[in-house]
Amino acid sequence: FSCAMLIVTLCFVKDPLLALKEAKRVLKE
């Protein structure tokens, strides 16, 4: 993906750090 969005999402996920790492993983350089 060119962009990954999390709109009022981090506050609802169990592991926000892992969520950001996953978003980073699927993101183009």
PDB file of all heavy atoms in Angstrom:
ATOM      1  N   PHE A   1       0.817  -1.220   0.000  1.00  0.00           N
ATOM      2  CA  PHE A   1       0.000   0.000   0.000  1.00  0.00           C
ATOM      3  C   PHE A   1       0.850   1.269   0.000  1.00  0.00           C
ATOM      4  O   PHE A   1       1.922   1.323   0.596  1.00  0.00           O
ATOM      5  CB  PHE A   1      -0.929   0.000   1.211  1.00  0.00           C
ATOM      6  CG  PHE A   1      -1.912  -1.139   1.206  1.00  0.00           C
ATOM      7  CD1 PHE A   1      -1.658  -2.305   1.924  1.00  0.00           C
ATOM      8  CD2 PHE A   1      -3.083  -1.055   0.470  1.00  0.00           C
ATOM      9  CE1 PHE A   1      -2.551  -3.367   1.914  1.00  0.00           C
ATOM     10  CE2 PHE A   1      -3.988  -2.107   0.448  1.00  0.00           C
ATOM     11  CZ  PHE A   1      -3.721  -3.266   1.169  1.00  0.00           C
ATOM     12  N   SER A   2       0.306   2.298  -0.635  1.00  0.00           N
ATOM     13  CA  SER A   2       0.985   3.593  -0.626  1.00  0.00           C
ATOM     14  C   SER A   2       0.722   4.335   0.679  1.00  0.00           C
ATOM     15  O   SER A   2       1.554   5.120   1.140  1.00  0.00           O
ATOM     16  CB  SER A   2       0.526   4.453  -1.810  1.00  0.00           C
ATOM     17  OG  SER A   2      -0.871   4.691  -1.740  1.00  0.00           O
ATOM     18  N   CYS A   3      -0.449   4.096   1.265  1.00  0.00           N
ATOM     19  CA  CYS A   3      -0.803   4.706   2.546  1.00  0.00           C
ATOM     20  C   CYS A   3      -1.620   3.710   3.369  1.00  0.00           C
ATOM     21  O   CYS A   3      -2.389   2.923   2.813  1.00  0.00           O
ATOM     22  CB  CYS A   3      -1.620   5.980   2.356  1.00  0.00           C
ATOM     23  SG  CYS A   3      -0.719   7.348   1.620  1.00  0.00           S
ATOM     24  N   ALA A   4      -1.432   3.774   4.674  1.00  0.00           N
ATOM     25  CA  ALA A   4      -2.249   2.993   5.602  1.00  0.00           C
ATOM     26  C   ALA A   4      -2.833   3.955   6.623  1.00  0.00           C
ATOM     27  O   ALA A   4      -2.095   4.741   7.230  1.00  0.00           O
ATOM     28  CB  ALA A   4      -1.411   1.924   6.299  1.00  0.00           C
ATOM     29  N   MET A   5      -4.142   3.941   6.785  1.00  0.00           N
ATOM     30  CA  MET A   5      -4.815   4.873   7.690  1.00  0.00           C
ATOM     31  C   MET A   5      -5.369   4.146   8.914  1.00  0.00           C
ATOM     32  O   MET A   5      -5.906   3.048   8.802  1.00  0.00           O
ATOM     33  CB  MET A   5      -5.982   5.560   6.979  1.00  0.00           C
ATOM     34  CG  MET A   5      -5.640   6.248   5.679  1.00  0.00           C
ATOM     35  SD  MET A   5      -6.988   7.329   5.094  1.00  0.00           S
ATOM     36  CE  MET A   5      -8.335   6.143   4.915  1.00  0.00           C
ATOM     37  N   LEU A   6      -5.242   4.790  10.062  1.00  0.00           N
ATOM     38  CA  LEU A   6      -5.873   4.316  11.290  1.00  0.00           C
ATOM     39  C   LEU A   6      -6.600   5.511  11.892  1.00  0.00           C
ATOM     40  O   LEU A   6      -5.974   6.389  12.498  1.00  0.00           O
ATOM     41  CB  LEU A   6      -4.861   3.758  12.283  1.00  0.00           C
ATOM     42  CG  LEU A   6      -4.143   2.460  11.861  1.00  0.00           C
ATOM     43  CD1 LEU A   6      -2.842   2.776  11.139  1.00  0.00           C
ATOM     44  CD2 LEU A   6      -3.856   1.587  13.084  1.00  0.00           C
ATOM     45  N   ILE A   7      -7.918   5.579  11.679  1.00  0.00           N
ATOM     46  CA  ILE A   7      -8.715   6.719  12.100  1.00  0.00           C
ATOM     47  C   ILE A   7      -9.522   6.342  13.342  1.00  0.00           C
ATOM     48  O   ILE A   7     -10.446   5.532  13.261  1.00  0.00           O
ATOM     49  CB  ILE A   7      -9.659   7.202  10.971  1.00  0.00           C
ATOM     50  CG1 ILE A   7      -8.910   7.286   9.634  1.00  0.00           C
ATOM     51  CG2 ILE A   7     -10.288   8.532  11.358  1.00  0.00           C
ATOM     52  CD1 ILE A   7      -7.711   8.206   9.621  1.00  0.00           C
ATOM     53  N   VAL A   8      -9.153   6.894  14.465  1.00  0.00           N
ATOM     54  CA  VAL A   8      -9.724   6.536  15.777  1.00  0.00           C
ATOM     55  C   VAL A   8      -9.773   5.016  15.903  1.00  0.00           C
ATOM     56  O   VAL A   8     -10.814   4.425  16.188  1.00  0.00           O
ATOM     57  CB  VAL A   8     -11.122   7.165  15.988  1.00  0.00           C
ATOM     58  CG1 VAL A   8     -11.526   7.105  17.468  1.00  0.00           C
ATOM     59  CG2 VAL A   8     -11.143   8.624  15.552  1.00  0.00           C
ATOM     60  N   THR A   9      -8.631   4.416  15.680  1.00  0.00           N
ATOM     61  CA  THR A   9      -8.507   2.955  15.706  1.00  0.00           C
ATOM     62  C   THR A   9      -7.544   2.476  16.784  1.00  0.00           C
ATOM     63  O   THR A   9      -7.817   1.493  17.479  1.00  0.00           O
ATOM     64  CB  THR A   9      -8.028   2.436  14.333  1.00  0.00           C
ATOM     65  OG1 THR A   9      -9.051   2.668  13.367  1.00  0.00           O
ATOM     66  CG2 THR A   9      -7.717   0.942  14.367  1.00  0.00           C
ATOM     67  N   LEU A  10      -6.416   3.160  16.960  1.00  0.00           N
ATOM     68  CA  LEU A  10      -5.417   2.707  17.931  1.00  0.00           C
ATOM     69  C   LEU A  10      -5.998   2.559  19.327  1.00  0.00           C
ATOM     70  O   LEU A  10      -5.600   1.660  20.077  1.00  0.00           O
ATOM     71  CB  LEU A  10      -4.232   3.676  17.979  1.00  0.00           C
ATOM     72  CG  LEU A  10      -3.249   3.628  16.814  1.00  0.00           C
ATOM     73  CD1 LEU A  10      -2.139   4.643  17.025  1.00  0.00           C
ATOM     74  CD2 LEU A  10      -2.656   2.230  16.647  1.00  0.00           C
ATOM     75  N   CYS A  11      -6.962   3.402  19.681  1.00  0.00           N
ATOM     76  CA  CYS A  11      -7.547   3.338  21.020  1.00  0.00           C
ATOM     77  C   CYS A  11      -8.408   2.095  21.214  1.00  0.00           C
ATOM     78  O   CYS A  11      -8.742   1.733  22.350  1.00  0.00           O
ATOM     79  CB  CYS A  11      -8.351   4.593  21.318  1.00  0.00           C
ATOM     80  SG  CYS A  11      -9.619   4.998  20.103  1.00  0.00           S
ATOM     81  N   PHE A  12      -8.773   1.418  20.116  1.00  0.00           N
ATOM     82  CA  PHE A  12      -9.629   0.237  20.222  1.00  0.00           C
ATOM     83  C   PHE A  12      -8.885  -1.088  20.012  1.00  0.00           C
ATOM     84  O   PHE A  12      -9.455  -2.148  20.261  1.00  0.00           O
ATOM     85  CB  PHE A  12     -10.778   0.324  19.211  1.00  0.00           C
ATOM     86  CG  PHE A  12     -11.850   1.301  19.597  1.00  0.00           C
ATOM     87  CD1 PHE A  12     -11.958   2.528  18.964  1.00  0.00           C
ATOM     88  CD2 PHE A  12     -12.757   1.000  20.597  1.00  0.00           C
ATOM     89  CE1 PHE A  12     -12.940   3.439  19.312  1.00  0.00           C
ATOM     90  CE2 PHE A  12     -13.751   1.900  20.968  1.00  0.00           C
ATOM     91  CZ  PHE A  12     -13.837   3.129  20.323  1.00  0.00           C
ATOM     92  N   VAL A  13      -7.643  -1.046  19.544  1.00  0.00           N
ATOM     93  CA  VAL A  13      -6.928  -2.298  19.306  1.00  0.00           C
ATOM     94  C   VAL A  13      -6.250  -2.768  20.592  1.00  0.00           C
ATOM     95  O   VAL A  13      -5.899  -1.962  21.450  1.00  0.00           O
ATOM     96  CB  VAL A  13      -5.887  -2.167  18.168  1.00  0.00           C
ATOM     97  CG1 VAL A  13      -6.557  -1.782  16.866  1.00  0.00           C
ATOM     98  CG2 VAL A  13      -4.804  -1.174  18.530  1.00  0.00           C
ATOM     99  N   LYS A  14      -6.080  -4.078  20.707  1.00  0.00           N
ATOM    100  CA  LYS A  14      -5.468  -4.638  21.917  1.00  0.00           C
ATOM    101  C   LYS A  14      -3.996  -4.285  22.021  1.00  0.00           C
ATOM    102  O   LYS A  14      -3.470  -4.059  23.107  1.00  0.00           O
ATOM    103  CB  LYS A  14      -5.647  -6.163  21.926  1.00  0.00           C
ATOM    104  CG  LYS A  14      -7.078  -6.614  22.165  1.00  0.00           C
ATOM    105  CD  LYS A  14      -7.177  -8.127  22.244  1.00  0.00           C
ATOM    106  CE  LYS A  14      -8.606  -8.570  22.517  1.00  0.00           C
ATOM    107  NZ  LYS A  14      -8.725 -10.051  22.565  1.00  0.00           N
ATOM    108  N   ASP A  15      -3.307  -4.255  20.875  1.00  0.00           N
ATOM    109  CA  ASP A  15      -1.870  -3.996  20.869  1.00  0.00           C
ATOM    110  C   ASP A  15      -1.553  -2.905  19.845  1.00  0.00           C
ATOM    111  O   ASP A  15      -1.280  -3.196  18.680  1.00  0.00           O
ATOM    112  CB  ASP A  15      -1.110  -5.283  20.528  1.00  0.00           C
ATOM    113  CG  ASP A  15       0.385  -5.173  20.752  1.00  0.00           C
ATOM    114  OD1 ASP A  15       0.917  -4.049  20.663  1.00  0.00           O
ATOM    115  OD2 ASP A  15       1.031  -6.210  20.990  1.00  0.00           O
ATOM    116  N   PRO A  16      -1.581  -1.642  20.251  1.00  0.00           N
ATOM    117  CA  PRO A  16      -1.345  -0.549  19.295  1.00  0.00           C
ATOM    118  C   PRO A  16       0.040  -0.576  18.673  1.00  0.00           C
ATOM    119  O   PRO A  16       0.198  -0.194  17.512  1.00  0.00           O
ATOM    120  CB  PRO A  16      -1.557   0.715  20.133  1.00  0.00           C
ATOM    121  CG  PRO A  16      -1.381   0.285  21.552  1.00  0.00           C
ATOM    122  CD  PRO A  16      -1.863  -1.131  21.599  1.00  0.00           C
ATOM    123  N   LEU A  17       1.027  -1.040  19.411  1.00  0.00           N
ATOM    124  CA  LEU A  17       2.381  -1.131  18.856  1.00  0.00           C
ATOM    125  C   LEU A  17       2.432  -2.131  17.716  1.00  0.00           C
ATOM    126  O   LEU A  17       2.968  -1.838  16.635  1.00  0.00           O
ATOM    127  CB  LEU A  17       3.389  -1.522  19.944  1.00  0.00           C
ATOM    128  CG  LEU A  17       4.832  -1.774  19.477  1.00  0.00           C
ATOM    129  CD1 LEU A  17       5.392  -0.563  18.747  1.00  0.00           C
ATOM    130  CD2 LEU A  17       5.712  -2.157  20.662  1.00  0.00           C
ATOM    131  N   LEU A  18       1.851  -3.297  17.925  1.00  0.00           N
ATOM    132  CA  LEU A  18       1.833  -4.315  16.876  1.00  0.00           C
ATOM    133  C   LEU A  18       0.998  -3.840  15.683  1.00  0.00           C
ATOM    134  O   LEU A  18       1.347  -4.104  14.530  1.00  0.00           O
ATOM    135  CB  LEU A  18       1.271  -5.629  17.418  1.00  0.00           C
ATOM    136  CG  LEU A  18       1.269  -6.834  16.462  1.00  0.00           C
ATOM    137  CD1 LEU A  18       2.650  -7.056  15.857  1.00  0.00           C
ATOM    138  CD2 LEU A  18       0.784  -8.083  17.177  1.00  0.00           C
ATOM    139  N   ALA A  19      -0.075  -3.114  15.959  1.00  0.00           N
ATOM    140  CA  ALA A  19      -0.909  -2.586  14.872  1.00  0.00           C
ATOM    141  C   ALA A  19      -0.100  -1.627  13.992  1.00  0.00           C
ATOM    142  O   ALA A  19      -0.194  -1.671  12.753  1.00  0.00           O
ATOM    143  CB  ALA A  19      -2.133  -1.875  15.440  1.00  0.00           C
ATOM    144  N   LEU A  20       0.703  -0.772  14.606  1.00  0.00           N
ATOM    145  CA  LEU A  20       1.530   0.157  13.835  1.00  0.00           C
ATOM    146  C   LEU A  20       2.636  -0.586  13.076  1.00  0.00           C
ATOM    147  O   LEU A  20       2.963  -0.233  11.940  1.00  0.00           O
ATOM    148  CB  LEU A  20       2.135   1.214  14.749  1.00  0.00           C
ATOM    149  CG  LEU A  20       1.228   2.369  15.171  1.00  0.00           C
ATOM    150  CD1 LEU A  20       2.009   3.371  16.020  1.00  0.00           C
ATOM    151  CD2 LEU A  20       0.637   3.072  13.959  1.00  0.00           C
ATOM    152  N   LYS A  21       3.190  -1.604  13.693  1.00  0.00           N
ATOM    153  CA  LYS A  21       4.220  -2.397  13.015  1.00  0.00           C
ATOM    154  C   LYS A  21       3.650  -3.106  11.796  1.00  0.00           C
ATOM    155  O   LYS A  21       4.300  -3.208  10.754  1.00  0.00           O
ATOM    156  CB  LYS A  21       4.827  -3.418  13.988  1.00  0.00           C
ATOM    157  CG  LYS A  21       5.784  -2.815  15.000  1.00  0.00           C
ATOM    158  CD  LYS A  21       6.397  -3.901  15.883  1.00  0.00           C
ATOM    159  CE  LYS A  21       7.445  -3.333  16.828  1.00  0.00           C
ATOM    160  NZ  LYS A  21       8.033  -4.385  17.691  1.00  0.00           N
ATOM    161  N   GLU A  22       2.422  -3.596  11.915  1.00  0.00           N
ATOM    162  CA  GLU A  22       1.765  -4.248  10.790  1.00  0.00           C
ATOM    163  C   GLU A  22       1.461  -3.257   9.680  1.00  0.00           C
ATOM    164  O   GLU A  22       1.644  -3.547   8.497  1.00  0.00           O
ATOM    165  CB  GLU A  22       0.472  -4.927  11.256  1.00  0.00           C
ATOM    166  CG  GLU A  22       0.662  -6.332  11.773  1.00  0.00           C
ATOM    167  CD  GLU A  22       1.024  -7.292  10.647  1.00  0.00           C
ATOM    168  OE1 GLU A  22       0.121  -7.858  10.009  1.00  0.00           O
ATOM    169  OE2 GLU A  22       2.235  -7.455  10.390  1.00  0.00           O
ATOM    170  N   ALA A  23       0.999  -2.063  10.068  1.00  0.00           N
ATOM    171  CA  ALA A  23       0.748  -1.017   9.074  1.00  0.00           C
ATOM    172  C   ALA A  23       2.037  -0.665   8.343  1.00  0.00           C
ATOM    173  O   ALA A  23       2.044  -0.490   7.117  1.00  0.00           O
ATOM    174  CB  ALA A  23       0.159   0.221   9.752  1.00  0.00           C
ATOM    175  N   LYS A  24       3.120  -0.581   9.078  1.00  0.00           N
ATOM    176  CA  LYS A  24       4.430  -0.297   8.488  1.00  0.00           C
ATOM    177  C   LYS A  24       4.856  -1.420   7.542  1.00  0.00           C
ATOM    178  O   LYS A  24       5.394  -1.174   6.463  1.00  0.00           O
ATOM    179  CB  LYS A  24       5.467  -0.125   9.598  1.00  0.00           C
ATOM    180  CG  LYS A  24       6.892   0.094   9.119  1.00  0.00           C
ATOM    181  CD  LYS A  24       7.858   0.094  10.289  1.00  0.00           C
ATOM    182  CE  LYS A  24       9.298   0.155   9.827  1.00  0.00           C
ATOM    183  NZ  LYS A  24      10.248   0.031  10.967  1.00  0.00           N
ATOM    184  N   ARG A  25       4.582  -2.652   7.931  1.00  0.00           N
ATOM    185  CA  ARG A  25       5.002  -3.808   7.125  1.00  0.00           C
ATOM    186  C   ARG A  25       4.355  -3.815   5.748  1.00  0.00           C
ATOM    187  O   ARG A  25       5.005  -4.126   4.747  1.00  0.00           O
ATOM    188  CB  ARG A  25       4.653  -5.117   7.866  1.00  0.00           C
ATOM    189  CG  ARG A  25       5.008  -6.379   7.095  1.00  0.00           C
ATOM    190  CD  ARG A  25       4.547  -7.636   7.799  1.00  0.00           C
ATOM    191  NE  ARG A  25       3.103  -7.751   7.887  1.00  0.00           N
ATOM    192  CZ  ARG A  25       2.312  -8.134   6.898  1.00  0.00           C
ATOM    193  NH1 ARG A  25       2.823  -8.407   5.693  1.00  0.00           N
ATOM    194  NH2 ARG A  25       1.001  -8.244   7.078  1.00  0.00           N
ATOM    195  N   VAL A  26       3.063  -3.477   5.687  1.00  0.00           N
ATOM    196  CA  VAL A  26       2.350  -3.555   4.407  1.00  0.00           C
ATOM    197  C   VAL A  26       2.518  -2.285   3.570  1.00  0.00           C
ATOM    198  O   VAL A  26       1.971  -2.171   2.485  1.00  0.00           O
ATOM    199  CB  VAL A  26       0.843  -3.842   4.619  1.00  0.00           C
ATOM    200  CG1 VAL A  26       0.651  -5.149   5.367  1.00  0.00           C
ATOM    201  CG2 VAL A  26       0.144  -2.691   5.342  1.00  0.00           C
ATOM    202  N   LEU A  27       3.294  -1.349   4.096  1.00  0.00           N
ATOM    203  CA  LEU A  27       3.488  -0.058   3.450  1.00  0.00           C
ATOM    204  C   LEU A  27       4.687  -0.089   2.502  1.00  0.00           C
ATOM    205  O   LEU A  27       5.730  -0.648   2.827  1.00  0.00           O
ATOM    206  CB  LEU A  27       3.737   0.991   4.529  1.00  0.00           C
ATOM    207  CG  LEU A  27       3.448   2.457   4.231  1.00  0.00           C
ATOM    208  CD1 LEU A  27       1.980   2.671   3.934  1.00  0.00           C
ATOM    209  CD2 LEU A  27       3.878   3.304   5.437  1.00  0.00           C
ATOM    210  N   LYS A  28       4.508   0.517   1.326  1.00  0.00           N
ATOM    211  CA  LYS A  28       5.639   0.658   0.411  1.00  0.00           C
ATOM    212  C   LYS A  28       6.719   1.507   1.072  1.00  0.00           C
ATOM    213  O   LYS A  28       6.447   2.280   1.988  1.00  0.00           O
ATOM    214  CB  LYS A  28       5.179   1.314  -0.897  1.00  0.00           C
ATOM    215  CG  LYS A  28       4.263   0.433  -1.728  1.00  0.00           C
ATOM    216  CD  LYS A  28       3.858   1.131  -3.028  1.00  0.00           C
ATOM    217  CE  LYS A  28       2.975   0.235  -3.879  1.00  0.00           C
ATOM    218  NZ  LYS A  28       2.552   0.899  -5.130  1.00  0.00           N
ATOM    219  N   GLU A  29       7.945   1.371   0.575  1.00  0.00           N
ATOM    220  CA  GLU A  29       9.083   2.037   1.218  1.00  0.00           C
ATOM    221  C   GLU A  29       8.885   3.544   1.346  1.00  0.00           C
ATOM    222  O   GLU A  29       9.243   4.153   2.345  1.00  0.00           O
ATOM    223  CB  GLU A  29      10.364   1.738   0.443  1.00  0.00           C
ATOM    224  CG  GLU A  29      11.615   1.835   1.285  1.00  0.00           C
ATOM    225  CD  GLU A  29      11.604   0.910   2.502  1.00  0.00           C
ATOM    226  OE1 GLU A  29      11.251  -0.284   2.362  1.00  0.00           O
ATOM    227  OE2 GLU A  29      11.920   1.396   3.597  1.00  0.00           O
TER     228      GLU A  29
END
